[in-house]
Protein backbone atom coordinates (compact mmCIF):
# COMPACT_ATOMS: atom_id res chain seq x y z
CA MET A 1 75.87 156.02 181.56
CA GLU A 2 73.27 157.82 179.63
CA VAL A 3 74.29 160.23 176.77
CA TYR A 4 71.64 163.38 176.70
CA LEU A 5 71.44 164.65 172.92
CA GLU A 6 69.66 168.03 172.08
CA LEU A 7 68.11 168.21 168.78
CA ASN A 8 66.43 170.51 166.48
CA ASN A 9 62.78 169.98 165.34
CA HIS A 10 64.25 169.94 161.65
CA GLU A 11 66.77 166.82 162.72
CA ILE A 12 63.42 165.15 164.19
CA TRP A 13 61.27 165.43 161.45
CA ALA A 14 63.99 165.02 158.61
CA SER A 15 65.24 161.70 160.58
CA TYR A 16 62.16 160.19 161.66
CA THR A 17 61.36 158.86 158.15
CA LYS A 18 64.69 157.75 157.52
CA LEU A 19 65.01 155.76 160.29
CA LEU A 20 61.68 154.11 159.41
CA LYS A 21 63.01 153.25 156.16
CA LEU A 22 65.98 151.77 157.57
CA SER A 23 64.37 149.96 159.83
CA SER A 24 62.66 148.13 157.06
CA LEU A 25 65.75 146.78 156.10
CA ASP A 26 66.55 143.34 156.59
CA LEU A 27 69.03 143.95 159.29
CA PRO A 28 70.71 141.97 162.41
CA PHE A 29 67.43 141.87 165.23
CA LYS A 30 69.83 143.68 167.66
CA THR A 31 70.15 146.39 165.12
CA SER A 32 66.61 146.58 163.93
CA LEU A 33 65.67 146.83 167.83
CA HIS A 34 67.93 149.54 168.45
CA ILE A 35 66.53 151.49 165.52
CA ALA A 36 63.14 150.99 167.01
CA THR A 37 63.95 152.13 170.68
CA ILE A 38 65.04 155.59 168.59
CA LEU A 39 61.82 155.75 166.95
CA PHE A 40 59.69 155.22 169.63
CA GLU A 41 61.98 158.22 171.23
CA LEU A 42 61.25 160.63 168.05
CA GLU A 43 58.04 159.44 167.82
CA ARG A 44 55.85 161.91 169.52
CA PRO A 45 58.02 164.91 168.74
CA TYR A 46 57.85 164.13 165.21
CA ARG A 47 53.89 163.79 165.22
CA ALA A 48 54.14 167.26 167.17
CA ILE A 49 56.00 168.64 164.43
CA GLU A 50 54.57 167.48 161.47
CA ASN A 51 51.12 168.53 163.05
CA GLU A 52 52.19 172.32 163.46
CA ARG A 53 53.85 172.00 159.43
CA ALA A 54 49.99 170.66 158.39
CA LYS A 55 48.89 173.56 160.09
CA LEU A 56 50.94 175.71 157.88
CA CYS A 57 50.05 174.32 155.31
CA LYS A 58 46.37 174.37 155.79
CA LYS A 59 46.69 178.26 157.05
CA HIS A 60 48.96 179.00 153.81
CA GLY A 61 47.83 176.72 151.53
CA GLU A 62 45.02 175.66 149.20
CA PHE A 63 42.82 172.70 149.58
CA PHE A 64 43.13 170.30 146.46
CA GLU A 65 40.05 168.03 146.81
CA ALA A 66 40.74 165.43 144.67
CA GLN A 67 43.93 164.81 146.81
CA ASP A 68 42.26 165.30 149.99
CA MET A 69 45.42 167.97 150.65
CA TYR A 70 46.34 171.31 151.09
CA ALA A 71 49.35 172.17 149.31
CA ILE A 72 50.96 175.85 148.86
CA ASP A 73 51.27 177.49 145.50
CA MET A 74 55.09 177.86 145.11
CA ASN A 75 54.02 180.31 142.48
CA ASN A 76 52.34 182.79 144.94
CA VAL A 77 55.14 184.49 146.06
CA GLU A 78 53.59 185.93 148.99
CA LYS A 79 51.67 182.53 150.66
CA PHE A 80 54.85 180.60 149.62
CA GLY A 81 57.07 183.24 151.72
CA ALA A 82 54.82 183.38 154.74
CA TYR A 83 54.91 179.62 154.96
CA SER A 84 58.39 179.33 154.32
CA SER A 85 59.23 181.73 156.60
CA GLU A 86 57.25 180.13 159.48
CA LEU A 87 58.18 176.70 158.49
CA SER A 88 61.85 177.64 158.90
CA GLU A 89 61.17 179.14 162.37
CA LEU A 90 59.76 175.73 163.24
CA LEU A 91 62.48 173.67 162.06
CA ILE A 92 65.49 175.56 163.56
CA MET A 93 63.60 175.48 167.14
CA ILE A 94 65.45 173.36 169.79
CA TRP A 95 63.07 170.47 170.77
CA SER A 96 62.34 170.91 174.67
CA GLY A 97 63.58 167.74 175.91
CA ASP A 98 66.93 165.52 176.38
CA PHE A 99 66.97 162.40 174.08
CA THR A 100 68.93 159.60 175.30
CA PHE A 101 69.61 157.16 172.69
CA GLU A 102 73.21 155.85 171.72
CA PRO A 103 73.93 156.24 167.53
CA VAL A 104 73.09 152.52 166.05
CA GLU A 105 75.77 150.81 164.61
CA ILE A 106 75.59 149.93 160.73
CA THR A 107 77.86 148.09 158.99
CA LYS A 108 79.86 149.94 156.34
CA ASP A 109 78.85 148.12 153.70
CA ILE A 110 75.14 148.80 154.34
CA VAL A 111 75.57 152.90 154.72
CA GLU A 112 77.77 152.81 151.29
CA GLN A 113 74.87 151.01 149.77
CA TYR A 114 72.38 153.51 150.91
CA MET A 115 74.48 156.16 151.40
CA GLY A 116 71.85 158.81 149.28
CA ASP A 117 69.11 157.93 151.55
CA PHE A 118 70.75 157.95 155.02
CA ALA A 119 73.99 160.46 154.66
CA THR A 120 72.10 162.83 157.20
CA LEU A 121 71.72 159.75 160.08
CA LEU A 122 75.48 159.68 160.30
CA ASP A 123 76.83 160.86 163.57
CA LYS A 124 73.60 161.47 165.96
CA PHE A 125 71.31 158.66 164.53
CA VAL A 126 73.78 156.33 163.09
CA LYS A 127 77.36 155.20 163.36
CA ILE A 128 79.53 152.95 161.05
CA CYS A 129 81.01 149.87 162.75
């Protein structure tokens, strides 16, 4: 039975990189494969959200040639406020598709060892077994 999961953009954006980090651990192959299937399902939405976030940085930030990137000047209240407002609006939006993955089962010792890194993944993406 497939379970349909509704996620907002923040859940996708924040969880994708944490799942990548989790996938780099030395885990049983079935667990690693399960994480890979979740990442596969999240990859396109993550890239779309990250692309929009980058556009907001370009719109409200300044280009720093030495780092070859745009950054928001947090001391510029007007630009930082506009960026923060638009980013918040982007991240609270519900993604317009349903997800059908089950949370991956991770042993309690791994969760405890890396709790700071993966605490936000619990429930929707990871469950302790």
